[in-house]
Amino acid sequence: MTASGNKSLASGNSILFNINGKNPAYEGKSLYDVLVNLPLFDFSDGGLKVAGSENVTMHFNSRVNKAQPQMLVNMLRSIAAEDVQSVKVSSWGGQGENPMMVYLHYKE
């Protein structure tokens, strides 16, 4: 499956979003602003849900990060959108409470 705009590719239990962080729409924005616009992410109530699951493990450039949701949001806001390259979401099952893995790739 390929979608227009910020290209996405789904395969098995994973979806990869290739992000064009240099798009003028992201000027002056953060990685948080990018994720808020992706359909799988929900930051309501001060927490983080991915595809309906609160069981989320975030990887920043292949390094696991187990920060609490509010600290994680602050980290996401500290990364410039123009540095974002891709976001990959993987699951060991369908939507719901299954563990979700999020891989964020950006220029450091």
PDB file of N, CA and C in Angstrom:
ATOM      1  N   MET A   1       0.849  -1.166   0.000  1.00  0.00           N
ATOM      2  CA  MET A   1       0.000   0.000   0.000  1.00  0.00           C
ATOM      3  C   MET A   1       0.894   1.228   0.000  1.00  0.00           C
ATOM      4  N   THR A   2       0.626   2.145  -0.871  1.00  0.00           N
ATOM      5  CA  THR A   2       1.356   3.407  -0.916  1.00  0.00           C
ATOM      6  C   THR A   2       0.350   4.543  -0.897  1.00  0.00           C
ATOM      7  N   ALA A   3       0.606   5.547  -0.079  1.00  0.00           N
ATOM      8  CA  ALA A   3      -0.294   6.695   0.009  1.00  0.00           C
ATOM      9  C   ALA A   3       0.418   7.933  -0.506  1.00  0.00           C
ATOM     10  N   SER A   4      -0.346   8.924  -0.932  1.00  0.00           N
ATOM     11  CA  SER A   4       0.255  10.160  -1.431  1.00  0.00           C
ATOM     12  C   SER A   4       0.669  11.046  -0.261  1.00  0.00           C
ATOM     13  N   GLY A   5       1.357  12.140  -0.545  1.00  0.00           N
ATOM     14  CA  GLY A   5       1.825  13.058   0.496  1.00  0.00           C
ATOM     15  C   GLY A   5       3.090  12.521   1.113  1.00  0.00           C
ATOM     16  N   ASN A   6       3.165  12.534   2.446  1.00  0.00           N
ATOM     17  CA  ASN A   6       4.277  11.888   3.133  1.00  0.00           C
ATOM     18  C   ASN A   6       4.081  10.402   2.893  1.00  0.00           C
ATOM     19  N   LYS A   7       4.884   9.809   2.074  1.00  0.00           N
ATOM     20  CA  LYS A   7       4.662   8.442   1.608  1.00  0.00           C
ATOM     21  C   LYS A   7       4.629   7.456   2.763  1.00  0.00           C
ATOM     22  N   SER A   8       3.716   6.493   2.678  1.00  0.00           N
ATOM     23  CA  SER A   8       3.655   5.431   3.676  1.00  0.00           C
ATOM     24  C   SER A   8       3.640   4.093   2.958  1.00  0.00           C
ATOM     25  N   LEU A   9       4.206   3.101   3.603  1.00  0.00           N
ATOM     26  CA  LEU A   9       4.288   1.771   3.036  1.00  0.00           C
ATOM     27  C   LEU A   9       3.961   0.778   4.136  1.00  0.00           C
ATOM     28  N   ALA A  10       2.964  -0.067   3.922  1.00  0.00           N
ATOM     29  CA  ALA A  10       2.571  -1.058   4.918  1.00  0.00           C
ATOM     30  C   ALA A  10       3.036  -2.436   4.475  1.00  0.00           C
ATOM     31  N   SER A  11       3.525  -3.214   5.431  1.00  0.00           N
ATOM     32  CA  SER A  11       3.991  -4.560   5.146  1.00  0.00           C
ATOM     33  C   SER A  11       3.800  -5.400   6.395  1.00  0.00           C
ATOM     34  N   GLY A  12       3.001  -6.463   6.312  1.00  0.00           N
ATOM     35  CA  GLY A  12       2.765  -7.313   7.480  1.00  0.00           C
ATOM     36  C   GLY A  12       2.174  -6.509   8.612  1.00  0.00           C
ATOM     37  N   ASN A  13       2.856  -6.504   9.768  1.00  0.00           N
ATOM     38  CA  ASN A  13       2.393  -5.761  10.933  1.00  0.00           C
ATOM     39  C   ASN A  13       3.151  -4.456  11.126  1.00  0.00           C
ATOM     40  N   SER A  14       3.658  -3.878  10.036  1.00  0.00           N
ATOM     41  CA  SER A  14       4.417  -2.633  10.114  1.00  0.00           C
ATOM     42  C   SER A  14       3.914  -1.628   9.095  1.00  0.00           C
ATOM     43  N   ILE A  15       4.083  -0.362   9.437  1.00  0.00           N
ATOM     44  CA  ILE A  15       3.823   0.718   8.485  1.00  0.00           C
ATOM     45  C   ILE A  15       4.971   1.710   8.614  1.00  0.00           C
ATOM     46  N   LEU A  16       5.507   2.124   7.489  1.00  0.00           N
ATOM     47  CA  LEU A  16       6.630   3.055   7.448  1.00  0.00           C
ATOM     48  C   LEU A  16       6.161   4.357   6.821  1.00  0.00           C
ATOM     49  N   PHE A  17       6.384   5.459   7.529  1.00  0.00           N
ATOM     50  CA  PHE A  17       6.069   6.785   7.009  1.00  0.00           C
ATOM     51  C   PHE A  17       7.391   7.459   6.657  1.00  0.00           C
ATOM     52  N   ASN A  18       7.639   7.715   5.380  1.00  0.00           N
ATOM     53  CA  ASN A  18       8.797   8.502   4.962  1.00  0.00           C
ATOM     54  C   ASN A  18       8.397   9.959   5.057  1.00  0.00           C
ATOM     55  N   ILE A  19       9.102  10.711   5.871  1.00  0.00           N
ATOM     56  CA  ILE A  19       8.725  12.087   6.164  1.00  0.00           C
ATOM     57  C   ILE A  19       9.594  13.053   5.368  1.00  0.00           C
ATOM     58  N   ASN A  20       8.963  13.983   4.699  1.00  0.00           N
ATOM     59  CA  ASN A  20       9.680  15.058   4.028  1.00  0.00           C
ATOM     60  C   ASN A  20       9.707  16.245   4.990  1.00  0.00           C
ATOM     61  N   GLY A  21      10.639  16.197   5.939  1.00  0.00           N
ATOM     62  CA  GLY A  21      10.727  17.227   6.972  1.00  0.00           C
ATOM     63  C   GLY A  21      11.084  18.597   6.434  1.00  0.00           C
ATOM     64  N   LYS A  22      11.545  18.662   5.192  1.00  0.00           N
ATOM     65  CA  LYS A  22      11.891  19.952   4.598  1.00  0.00           C
ATOM     66  C   LYS A  22      10.683  20.616   3.931  1.00  0.00           C
ATOM     67  N   ASN A  23       9.529  19.948   3.935  1.00  0.00           N
ATOM     68  CA  ASN A  23       8.315  20.519   3.371  1.00  0.00           C
ATOM     69  C   ASN A  23       8.004  21.825   4.110  1.00  0.00           C
ATOM     70  N   PRO A  24       7.638  22.873   3.381  1.00  0.00           N
ATOM     71  CA  PRO A  24       7.335  24.162   4.031  1.00  0.00           C
ATOM     72  C   PRO A  24       6.277  24.062   5.138  1.00  0.00           C
ATOM     73  N   ALA A  25       5.411  23.074   5.085  1.00  0.00           N
ATOM     74  CA  ALA A  25       4.377  22.915   6.121  1.00  0.00           C
ATOM     75  C   ALA A  25       4.995  22.609   7.489  1.00  0.00           C
ATOM     76  N   TYR A  26       6.214  22.069   7.508  1.00  0.00           N
ATOM     77  CA  TYR A  26       6.874  21.721   8.775  1.00  0.00           C
ATOM     78  C   TYR A  26       7.855  22.780   9.251  1.00  0.00           C
ATOM     79  N   GLU A  27       7.976  23.895   8.536  1.00  0.00           N
ATOM     80  CA  GLU A  27       8.931  24.926   8.907  1.00  0.00           C
ATOM     81  C   GLU A  27       8.668  25.427  10.327  1.00  0.00           C
ATOM     82  N   GLY A  28       9.691  25.376  11.152  1.00  0.00           N
ATOM     83  CA  GLY A  28       9.591  25.830  12.532  1.00  0.00           C
ATOM     84  C   GLY A  28       8.860  24.874  13.457  1.00  0.00           C
ATOM     85  N   LYS A  29       8.569  23.679  12.993  1.00  0.00           N
ATOM     86  CA  LYS A  29       7.828  22.711  13.809  1.00  0.00           C
ATOM     87  C   LYS A  29       8.749  21.606  14.307  1.00  0.00           C
ATOM     88  N   SER A  30       8.200  20.750  15.165  1.00  0.00           N
ATOM     89  CA  SER A  30       8.978  19.694  15.808  1.00  0.00           C
ATOM     90  C   SER A  30       8.504  18.304  15.377  1.00  0.00           C
ATOM     91  N   LEU A  31       9.238  17.292  15.818  1.00  0.00           N
ATOM     92  CA  LEU A  31       8.845  15.906  15.562  1.00  0.00           C
ATOM     93  C   LEU A  31       7.462  15.636  16.151  1.00  0.00           C
ATOM     94  N   TYR A  32       7.164  16.215  17.289  1.00  0.00           N
ATOM     95  CA  TYR A  32       5.834  16.083  17.885  1.00  0.00           C
ATOM     96  C   TYR A  32       4.759  16.546  16.902  1.00  0.00           C
ATOM     97  N   ASP A  33       4.993  17.685  16.245  1.00  0.00           N
ATOM     98  CA  ASP A  33       4.033  18.218  15.270  1.00  0.00           C
ATOM     99  C   ASP A  33       3.840  17.260  14.097  1.00  0.00           C
ATOM    100  N   VAL A  34       4.904  16.565  13.712  1.00  0.00           N
ATOM    101  CA  VAL A  34       4.816  15.569  12.634  1.00  0.00           C
ATOM    102  C   VAL A  34       3.947  14.401  13.082  1.00  0.00           C
ATOM    103  N   LEU A  35       4.225  13.877  14.292  1.00  0.00           N
ATOM    104  CA  LEU A  35       3.504  12.695  14.783  1.00  0.00           C
ATOM    105  C   LEU A  35       2.026  12.986  15.033  1.00  0.00           C
ATOM    106  N   VAL A  36       1.714  14.177  15.506  1.00  0.00           N
ATOM    107  CA  VAL A  36       0.314  14.541  15.761  1.00  0.00           C
ATOM    108  C   VAL A  36      -0.502  14.407  14.481  1.00  0.00           C
ATOM    109  N   ASN A  37       0.133  14.641  13.327  1.00  0.00           N
ATOM    110  CA  ASN A  37      -0.568  14.576  12.046  1.00  0.00           C
ATOM    111  C   ASN A  37      -0.617  13.182  11.443  1.00  0.00           C
ATOM    112  N   LEU A  38       0.060  12.202  12.043  1.00  0.00           N
ATOM    113  CA  LEU A  38       0.006  10.831  11.530  1.00  0.00           C
ATOM    114  C   LEU A  38      -1.190  10.114  12.141  1.00  0.00           C
ATOM    115  N   PRO A  39      -1.916   9.325  11.354  1.00  0.00           N
ATOM    116  CA  PRO A  39      -3.190   8.757  11.807  1.00  0.00           C
ATOM    117  C   PRO A  39      -3.111   7.774  12.971  1.00  0.00           C
ATOM    118  N   LEU A  40      -1.975   7.181  13.242  1.00  0.00           N
ATOM    119  CA  LEU A  40      -1.895   6.168  14.292  1.00  0.00           C
ATOM    120  C   LEU A  40      -1.620   6.735  15.684  1.00  0.00           C
ATOM    121  N   PHE A  41      -1.196   8.000  15.769  1.00  0.00           N
ATOM    122  CA  PHE A  41      -0.747   8.579  17.035  1.00  0.00           C
ATOM    123  C   PHE A  41      -1.842   9.388  17.707  1.00  0.00           C
ATOM    124  N   ASP A  42      -1.973   9.211  19.036  1.00  0.00           N
ATOM    125  CA  ASP A  42      -2.973   9.920  19.827  1.00  0.00           C
ATOM    126  C   ASP A  42      -2.297  10.425  21.097  1.00  0.00           C
ATOM    127  N   PHE A  43      -2.183  11.749  21.232  1.00  0.00           N
ATOM    128  CA  PHE A  43      -1.543  12.356  22.391  1.00  0.00           C
ATOM    129  C   PHE A  43      -2.562  12.986  23.334  1.00  0.00           C
ATOM    130  N   SER A  44      -3.835  12.628  23.205  1.00  0.00           N
ATOM    131  CA  SER A  44      -4.857  13.213  24.070  1.00  0.00           C
ATOM    132  C   SER A  44      -4.658  12.758  25.509  1.00  0.00           C
ATOM    133  N   ASP A  45      -5.209  13.500  26.429  1.00  0.00           N
ATOM    134  CA  ASP A  45      -5.135  13.195  27.864  1.00  0.00           C
ATOM    135  C   ASP A  45      -3.704  13.173  28.393  1.00  0.00           C
ATOM    136  N   GLY A  46      -2.760  13.833  27.702  1.00  0.00           N
ATOM    137  CA  GLY A  46      -1.384  13.912  28.184  1.00  0.00           C
ATOM    138  C   GLY A  46      -0.590  12.628  28.050  1.00  0.00           C
ATOM    139  N   GLY A  47      -1.182  11.596  27.475  1.00  0.00           N
ATOM    140  CA  GLY A  47      -0.490  10.328  27.295  1.00  0.00           C
ATOM    141  C   GLY A  47      -0.146  10.088  25.847  1.00  0.00           C
ATOM    142  N   LEU A  48       0.188   8.867  25.527  1.00  0.00           N
ATOM    143  CA  LEU A  48       0.502   8.484  24.159  1.00  0.00           C
ATOM    144  C   LEU A  48      -0.121   7.131  23.870  1.00  0.00           C
ATOM    145  N   LYS A  49      -0.891   7.084  22.801  1.00  0.00           N
ATOM    146  CA  LYS A  49      -1.434   5.832  22.288  1.00  0.00           C
ATOM    147  C   LYS A  49      -1.011   5.713  20.834  1.00  0.00           C
ATOM    148  N   VAL A  50      -0.663   4.512  20.431  1.00  0.00           N
ATOM    149  CA  VAL A  50      -0.327   4.245  19.036  1.00  0.00           C
ATOM    150  C   VAL A  50      -1.232   3.122  18.582  1.00  0.00           C
ATOM    151  N   ALA A  51      -2.029   3.389  17.581  1.00  0.00           N
ATOM    152  CA  ALA A  51      -3.008   2.425  17.056  1.00  0.00           C
ATOM    153  C   ALA A  51      -3.882   1.881  18.185  1.00  0.00           C
ATOM    154  N   GLY A  52      -4.254   2.756  19.126  1.00  0.00           N
ATOM    155  CA  GLY A  52      -5.138   2.375  20.216  1.00  0.00           C
ATOM    156  C   GLY A  52      -4.460   1.727  21.402  1.00  0.00           C
ATOM    157  N   SER A  53      -3.152   1.491  21.344  1.00  0.00           N
ATOM    158  CA  SER A  53      -2.428   0.821  22.422  1.00  0.00           C
ATOM    159  C   SER A  53      -1.600   1.812  23.233  1.00  0.00           C
ATOM    160  N   GLU A  54      -1.638   1.665  24.561  1.00  0.00           N
ATOM    161  CA  GLU A  54      -0.780   2.459  25.439  1.00  0.00           C
ATOM    162  C   GLU A  54       0.537   1.749  25.709  1.00  0.00           C
ATOM    163  N   ASN A  55       0.656   0.519  25.261  1.00  0.00           N
ATOM    164  CA  ASN A  55       1.865  -0.290  25.449  1.00  0.00           C
ATOM    165  C   ASN A  55       2.821   0.017  24.295  1.00  0.00           C
ATOM    166  N   VAL A  56       3.572   1.126  24.433  1.00  0.00           N
ATOM    167  CA  VAL A  56       4.391   1.656  23.339  1.00  0.00           C
ATOM    168  C   VAL A  56       5.859   1.710  23.758  1.00  0.00           C
ATOM    169  N   THR A  57       6.727   1.221  22.902  1.00  0.00           N
ATOM    170  CA  THR A  57       8.165   1.359  23.085  1.00  0.00           C
ATOM    171  C   THR A  57       8.690   2.227  21.953  1.00  0.00           C
ATOM    172  N   MET A  58       9.379   3.312  22.310  1.00  0.00           N
ATOM    173  CA  MET A  58       9.914   4.244  21.315  1.00  0.00           C
ATOM    174  C   MET A  58      11.411   3.995  21.144  1.00  0.00           C
ATOM    175  N   HIS A  59      11.842   4.041  19.898  1.00  0.00           N
ATOM    176  CA  HIS A  59      13.255   3.911  19.558  1.00  0.00           C
ATOM    177  C   HIS A  59      13.670   5.184  18.826  1.00  0.00           C
ATOM    178  N   PHE A  60      14.635   5.896  19.370  1.00  0.00           N
ATOM    179  CA  PHE A  60      15.167   7.101  18.747  1.00  0.00           C
ATOM    180  C   PHE A  60      16.476   6.723  18.075  1.00  0.00           C
ATOM    181  N   ASN A  61      16.500   6.708  16.736  1.00  0.00           N
ATOM    182  CA  ASN A  61      17.694   6.304  15.985  1.00  0.00           C
ATOM    183  C   ASN A  61      18.278   5.008  16.544  1.00  0.00           C
ATOM    184  N   SER A  62      17.428   4.014  16.687  1.00  0.00           N
ATOM    185  CA  SER A  62      17.781   2.651  17.124  1.00  0.00           C
ATOM    186  C   SER A  62      18.091   2.526  18.610  1.00  0.00           C
ATOM    187  N   ARG A  63      17.909   3.594  19.392  1.00  0.00           N
ATOM    188  CA  ARG A  63      18.121   3.511  20.840  1.00  0.00           C
ATOM    189  C   ARG A  63      16.767   3.508  21.545  1.00  0.00           C
ATOM    190  N   VAL A  64      16.549   2.503  22.389  1.00  0.00           N
ATOM    191  CA  VAL A  64      15.284   2.383  23.118  1.00  0.00           C
ATOM    192  C   VAL A  64      15.159   3.520  24.121  1.00  0.00           C
ATOM    193  N   ASN A  65      13.957   4.083  24.209  1.00  0.00           N
ATOM    194  CA  ASN A  65      13.677   5.131  25.167  1.00  0.00           C
ATOM    195  C   ASN A  65      12.415   4.738  25.930  1.00  0.00           C
ATOM    196  N   LYS A  66      12.520   4.624  27.240  1.00  0.00           N
ATOM    197  CA  LYS A  66      11.375   4.217  28.054  1.00  0.00           C
ATOM    198  C   LYS A  66      10.897   5.338  28.956  1.00  0.00           C
ATOM    199  N   ALA A  67      10.987   6.569  28.490  1.00  0.00           N
ATOM    200  CA  ALA A  67      10.562   7.728  29.275  1.00  0.00           C
ATOM    201  C   ALA A  67       9.052   7.708  29.482  1.00  0.00           C
ATOM    202  N   GLN A  68       8.617   8.363  30.542  1.00  0.00           N
ATOM    203  CA  GLN A  68       7.195   8.520  30.808  1.00  0.00           C
ATOM    204  C   GLN A  68       6.584   9.391  29.709  1.00  0.00           C
ATOM    205  N   PRO A  69       5.273   9.237  29.442  1.00  0.00           N
ATOM    206  CA  PRO A  69       4.651   9.948  28.319  1.00  0.00           C
ATOM    207  C   PRO A  69       4.916  11.452  28.272  1.00  0.00           C
ATOM    208  N   GLN A  70       4.807  12.170  29.402  1.00  0.00           N
ATOM    209  CA  GLN A  70       5.003  13.623  29.353  1.00  0.00           C
ATOM    210  C   GLN A  70       6.451  13.970  29.032  1.00  0.00           C
ATOM    211  N   MET A  71       7.410  13.231  29.587  1.00  0.00           N
ATOM    212  CA  MET A  71       8.814  13.465  29.277  1.00  0.00           C
ATOM    213  C   MET A  71       9.085  13.149  27.800  1.00  0.00           C
ATOM    214  N   LEU A  72       8.449  12.113  27.307  1.00  0.00           N
ATOM    215  CA  LEU A  72       8.590  11.731  25.906  1.00  0.00           C
ATOM    216  C   LEU A  72       8.072  12.842  24.987  1.00  0.00           C
ATOM    217  N   VAL A  73       6.945  13.410  25.331  1.00  0.00           N
ATOM    218  CA  VAL A  73       6.387  14.517  24.543  1.00  0.00           C
ATOM    219  C   VAL A  73       7.379  15.680  24.510  1.00  0.00           C
ATOM    220  N   ASN A  74       8.000  15.994  25.648  1.00  0.00           N
ATOM    221  CA  ASN A  74       8.993  17.068  25.687  1.00  0.00           C
ATOM    222  C   ASN A  74      10.179  16.744  24.781  1.00  0.00           C
ATOM    223  N   MET A  75      10.613  15.489  24.754  1.00  0.00           N
ATOM    224  CA  MET A  75      11.712  15.083  23.881  1.00  0.00           C
ATOM    225  C   MET A  75      11.313  15.239  22.416  1.00  0.00           C
ATOM    226  N   LEU A  76      10.087  14.816  22.077  1.00  0.00           N
ATOM    227  CA  LEU A  76       9.615  14.924  20.702  1.00  0.00           C
ATOM    228  C   LEU A  76       9.542  16.381  20.258  1.00  0.00           C
ATOM    229  N   ARG A  77       9.220  17.261  21.189  1.00  0.00           N
ATOM    230  CA  ARG A  77       9.140  18.697  20.866  1.00  0.00           C
ATOM    231  C   ARG A  77      10.526  19.318  20.705  1.00  0.00           C
ATOM    232  N   SER A  78      11.571  18.652  21.187  1.00  0.00           N
ATOM    233  CA  SER A  78      12.924  19.200  21.088  1.00  0.00           C
ATOM    234  C   SER A  78      13.630  18.818  19.785  1.00  0.00           C
ATOM    235  N   ILE A  79      13.029  17.951  18.967  1.00  0.00           N
ATOM    236  CA  ILE A  79      13.630  17.510  17.703  1.00  0.00           C
ATOM    237  C   ILE A  79      12.954  18.257  16.561  1.00  0.00           C
ATOM    238  N   ALA A  80      13.751  18.944  15.744  1.00  0.00           N
ATOM    239  CA  ALA A  80      13.212  19.743  14.634  1.00  0.00           C
ATOM    240  C   ALA A  80      12.607  18.844  13.561  1.00  0.00           C
ATOM    241  N   ALA A  81      11.438  19.232  13.054  1.00  0.00           N
ATOM    242  CA  ALA A  81      10.757  18.460  12.005  1.00  0.00           C
ATOM    243  C   ALA A  81      11.633  18.315  10.765  1.00  0.00           C
ATOM    244  N   GLU A  82      12.434  19.323  10.468  1.00  0.00           N
ATOM    245  CA  GLU A  82      13.272  19.258   9.267  1.00  0.00           C
ATOM    246  C   GLU A  82      14.327  18.156   9.347  1.00  0.00           C
ATOM    247  N   ASP A  83      14.600  17.658  10.550  1.00  0.00           N
ATOM    248  CA  ASP A  83      15.584  16.584  10.724  1.00  0.00           C
ATOM    249  C   ASP A  83      14.969  15.188  10.646  1.00  0.00           C
ATOM    250  N   VAL A  84      13.641  15.100  10.618  1.00  0.00           N
ATOM    251  CA  VAL A  84      12.946  13.814  10.614  1.00  0.00           C
ATOM    252  C   VAL A  84      13.048  13.163   9.240  1.00  0.00           C
ATOM    253  N   GLN A  85      13.387  11.871   9.219  1.00  0.00           N
ATOM    254  CA  GLN A  85      13.490  11.128   7.971  1.00  0.00           C
ATOM    255  C   GLN A  85      12.374  10.108   7.827  1.00  0.00           C
ATOM    256  N   SER A  86      12.112   9.339   8.892  1.00  0.00           N
ATOM    257  CA  SER A  86      11.059   8.332   8.798  1.00  0.00           C
ATOM    258  C   SER A  86      10.543   7.953  10.181  1.00  0.00           C
ATOM    259  N   VAL A  87       9.345   7.416  10.176  1.00  0.00           N
ATOM    260  CA  VAL A  87       8.705   6.881  11.374  1.00  0.00           C
ATOM    261  C   VAL A  87       8.159   5.514  10.992  1.00  0.00           C
ATOM    262  N   LYS A  88       8.558   4.478  11.725  1.00  0.00           N
ATOM    263  CA  LYS A  88       8.064   3.124  11.464  1.00  0.00           C
ATOM    264  C   LYS A  88       7.315   2.653  12.699  1.00  0.00           C
ATOM    265  N   VAL A  89       6.117   2.119  12.474  1.00  0.00           N
ATOM    266  CA  VAL A  89       5.302   1.579  13.556  1.00  0.00           C
ATOM    267  C   VAL A  89       5.127   0.091  13.295  1.00  0.00           C
ATOM    268  N   SER A  90       5.480  -0.731  14.294  1.00  0.00           N
ATOM    269  CA  SER A  90       5.342  -2.185  14.183  1.00  0.00           C
ATOM    270  C   SER A  90       4.536  -2.711  15.354  1.00  0.00           C
ATOM    271  N   SER A  91       3.880  -3.833  15.137  1.00  0.00           N
ATOM    272  CA  SER A  91       3.065  -4.454  16.180  1.00  0.00           C
ATOM    273  C   SER A  91       3.229  -5.958  16.126  1.00  0.00           C
ATOM    274  N   TRP A  92       3.010  -6.592  17.269  1.00  0.00           N
ATOM    275  CA  TRP A  92       3.021  -8.059  17.318  1.00  0.00           C
ATOM    276  C   TRP A  92       1.613  -8.611  17.206  1.00  0.00           C
ATOM    277  N   GLY A  93       0.681  -7.772  16.841  1.00  0.00           N
ATOM    278  CA  GLY A  93      -0.705  -8.202  16.703  1.00  0.00           C
ATOM    279  C   GLY A  93      -1.508  -7.091  16.059  1.00  0.00           C
ATOM    280  N   GLY A  94      -2.815  -7.138  16.184  1.00  0.00           N
ATOM    281  CA  GLY A  94      -3.678  -6.119  15.594  1.00  0.00           C
ATOM    282  C   GLY A  94      -3.763  -4.898  16.476  1.00  0.00           C
ATOM    283  N   GLN A  95      -4.743  -4.049  16.216  1.00  0.00           N
ATOM    284  CA  GLN A  95      -4.926  -2.851  17.012  1.00  0.00           C
ATOM    285  C   GLN A  95      -5.444  -3.203  18.391  1.00  0.00           C
ATOM    286  N   GLY A  96      -5.246  -2.318  19.348  1.00  0.00           N
ATOM    287  CA  GLY A  96      -5.716  -2.543  20.710  1.00  0.00           C
ATOM    288  C   GLY A  96      -4.560  -2.481  21.682  1.00  0.00           C
ATOM    289  N   GLU A  97      -4.518  -3.394  22.625  1.00  0.00           N
ATOM    290  CA  GLU A  97      -3.506  -3.365  23.683  1.00  0.00           C
ATOM    291  C   GLU A  97      -2.239  -4.130  23.347  1.00  0.00           C
ATOM    292  N   ASN A  98      -2.051  -4.542  22.116  1.00  0.00           N
ATOM    293  CA  ASN A  98      -0.836  -5.244  21.730  1.00  0.00           C
ATOM    294  C   ASN A  98       0.358  -4.294  21.789  1.00  0.00           C
ATOM    295  N   PRO A  99       1.547  -4.832  22.096  1.00  0.00           N
ATOM    296  CA  PRO A  99       2.736  -3.985  22.147  1.00  0.00           C
ATOM    297  C   PRO A  99       3.005  -3.316  20.798  1.00  0.00           C
ATOM    298  N   MET A 100       3.284  -2.026  20.842  1.00  0.00           N
ATOM    299  CA  MET A 100       3.598  -1.253  19.639  1.00  0.00           C
ATOM    300  C   MET A 100       5.037  -0.769  19.739  1.00  0.00           C
ATOM    301  N   MET A 101       5.775  -0.902  18.650  1.00  0.00           N
ATOM    302  CA  MET A 101       7.152  -0.430  18.573  1.00  0.00           C
ATOM    303  C   MET A 101       7.165   0.738  17.590  1.00  0.00           C
ATOM    304  N   VAL A 102       7.747   1.854  17.979  1.00  0.00           N
ATOM    305  CA  VAL A 102       7.847   3.022  17.110  1.00  0.00           C
ATOM    306  C   VAL A 102       9.331   3.336  16.931  1.00  0.00           C
ATOM    307  N   TYR A 103       9.764   3.365  15.676  1.00  0.00           N
ATOM    308  CA  TYR A 103      11.155   3.651  15.337  1.00  0.00           C
ATOM    309  C   TYR A 103      11.205   5.021  14.666  1.00  0.00           C
ATOM    310  N   LEU A 104      11.871   5.977  15.306  1.00  0.00           N
ATOM    311  CA  LEU A 104      11.982   7.337  14.795  1.00  0.00           C
ATOM    312  C   LEU A 104      13.402   7.537  14.265  1.00  0.00           C
ATOM    313  N   HIS A 105      13.515   7.938  13.023  1.00  0.00           N
ATOM    314  CA  HIS A 105      14.833   8.189  12.434  1.00  0.00           C
ATOM    315  C   HIS A 105      14.922   9.652  12.045  1.00  0.00           C
ATOM    316  N   TYR A 106      15.979  10.287  12.533  1.00  0.00           N
ATOM    317  CA  TYR A 106      16.184  11.712  12.264  1.00  0.00           C
ATOM    318  C   TYR A 106      17.672  12.010  12.300  1.00  0.00           C
ATOM    319  N   LYS A 107      18.033  13.155  11.720  1.00  0.00           N
ATOM    320  CA  LYS A 107      19.427  13.590  11.745  1.00  0.00           C
ATOM    321  C   LYS A 107      19.727  14.191  13.116  1.00  0.00           C
ATOM    322  N   GLU A 108      20.833  13.750  13.712  1.00  0.00           N
ATOM    323  CA  GLU A 108      21.220  14.267  15.032  1.00  0.00           C
ATOM    324  C   GLU A 108      22.192  15.408  14.888  1.00  0.00           C
TER     325      GLU A 108
END
